[in-house]
């Protein structure tokens, strides 16, 4: 289903959109606007997902930098050992 809507563009936005159509990158001005809205929607959804992930992580358990360094060092040491590499 499509909905007709009236929008206002600056002269520069209109010229840019018309140039995209003239270059064959889009079939119409509506297609240009639709594509722009889809990009904004994807960006917004990505931001929302990132925000949710960060909120989830903030509620989790945190460890000190020293603890993290020790965990990473142990992990690397274990991997080297498992692959027969010198530590």
Protein backbone atom coordinates (compact mmCIF):
# COMPACT_ATOMS: atom_id res chain seq x y z
CA UNK A 1 0.00 0.00 0.00
CA UNK A 2 1.30 3.45 -0.79
CA UNK A 3 0.34 6.75 0.78
CA UNK A 4 0.59 10.07 -1.01
CA UNK A 5 2.28 12.75 1.02
CA UNK A 6 3.35 16.30 0.40
CA UNK A 7 6.86 17.25 1.47
CA UNK A 8 9.01 20.35 1.28
CA UNK A 9 12.61 20.26 0.09
CA UNK A 10 15.24 22.93 -0.09
CA UNK A 11 16.32 23.97 -3.58
CA UNK A 12 19.58 22.08 -3.06
CA UNK A 13 17.80 18.90 -1.94
CA UNK A 14 15.45 19.08 -4.92
CA UNK A 15 18.32 19.62 -7.35
CA UNK A 16 20.27 16.73 -5.86
CA UNK A 17 17.28 14.36 -5.99
CA UNK A 18 16.49 15.36 -9.58
CA UNK A 19 20.13 14.83 -10.56
CA UNK A 20 20.02 11.30 -9.11
CA UNK A 21 16.95 10.57 -11.23
CA UNK A 22 18.51 12.15 -14.33
CA UNK A 23 21.66 10.02 -13.85
CA UNK A 24 19.45 6.93 -13.76
CA UNK A 25 20.30 6.03 -10.18
CA UNK A 26 16.62 6.19 -9.22
CA UNK A 27 13.44 5.88 -11.24
CA UNK A 28 11.67 8.85 -9.65
CA UNK A 29 11.83 11.52 -6.98
CA UNK A 30 9.61 9.31 -4.83
CA UNK A 31 12.17 6.51 -5.13
CA UNK A 32 14.92 8.87 -3.94
CA UNK A 33 12.89 9.94 -0.90
CA UNK A 34 11.86 6.34 -0.12
CA UNK A 35 15.48 5.21 -0.25
CA UNK A 36 16.51 8.04 2.06
CA UNK A 37 13.80 7.11 4.56
CA UNK A 38 14.85 3.45 4.44
CA UNK A 39 18.43 4.49 5.26
CA UNK A 40 17.25 6.60 8.19
CA UNK A 41 15.09 3.71 9.42
CA UNK A 42 18.00 1.23 9.24
CA UNK A 43 20.27 3.71 11.01
CA UNK A 44 17.68 4.22 13.73
CA UNK A 45 17.12 0.48 14.16
CA UNK A 46 20.88 -0.07 14.38
CA UNK A 47 21.18 2.66 16.98
CA UNK A 48 18.31 1.16 18.96
CA UNK A 49 19.92 -2.29 18.88
CA UNK A 50 23.28 -0.87 19.96
CA UNK A 51 21.63 1.10 22.75
CA UNK A 52 19.84 -2.06 23.96
CA UNK A 53 23.10 -4.03 23.89
CA UNK A 54 24.93 -1.33 25.84
CA UNK A 55 22.12 -1.17 28.40
CA UNK A 56 22.28 -4.96 28.78
CA UNK A 57 26.06 -4.84 29.24
CA UNK A 58 25.78 -2.04 31.83
CA UNK A 59 23.59 -4.29 33.94
CA UNK A 60 26.08 -7.16 33.76
CA UNK A 61 29.03 -7.95 35.95
CA UNK A 62 32.15 -5.89 35.40
CA UNK A 63 35.70 -6.90 36.14
CA UNK A 64 38.73 -4.72 36.69
CA UNK A 65 41.25 -4.00 33.96
CA UNK A 66 43.81 -6.13 35.77
CA UNK A 67 41.39 -9.08 35.88
CA UNK A 68 40.67 -8.69 32.16
CA UNK A 69 44.37 -8.54 31.28
CA UNK A 70 44.95 -11.70 33.32
CA UNK A 71 42.05 -13.47 31.56
CA UNK A 72 43.33 -12.48 28.12
CA UNK A 73 46.90 -13.52 29.00
CA UNK A 74 45.65 -16.91 30.21
CA UNK A 75 43.50 -17.39 27.12
CA UNK A 76 46.44 -16.61 24.83
CA UNK A 77 48.75 -18.85 26.84
CA UNK A 78 46.22 -21.73 26.64
CA UNK A 79 45.83 -21.27 22.87
CA UNK A 80 49.59 -21.25 22.36
CA UNK A 81 49.95 -24.36 24.51
CA UNK A 82 47.11 -26.14 22.64
CA UNK A 83 48.84 -25.40 19.33
CA UNK A 84 52.29 -26.46 20.57
CA UNK A 85 53.72 -22.96 20.42
CA UNK A 86 56.25 -21.62 22.91
CA UNK A 87 54.89 -19.14 25.44
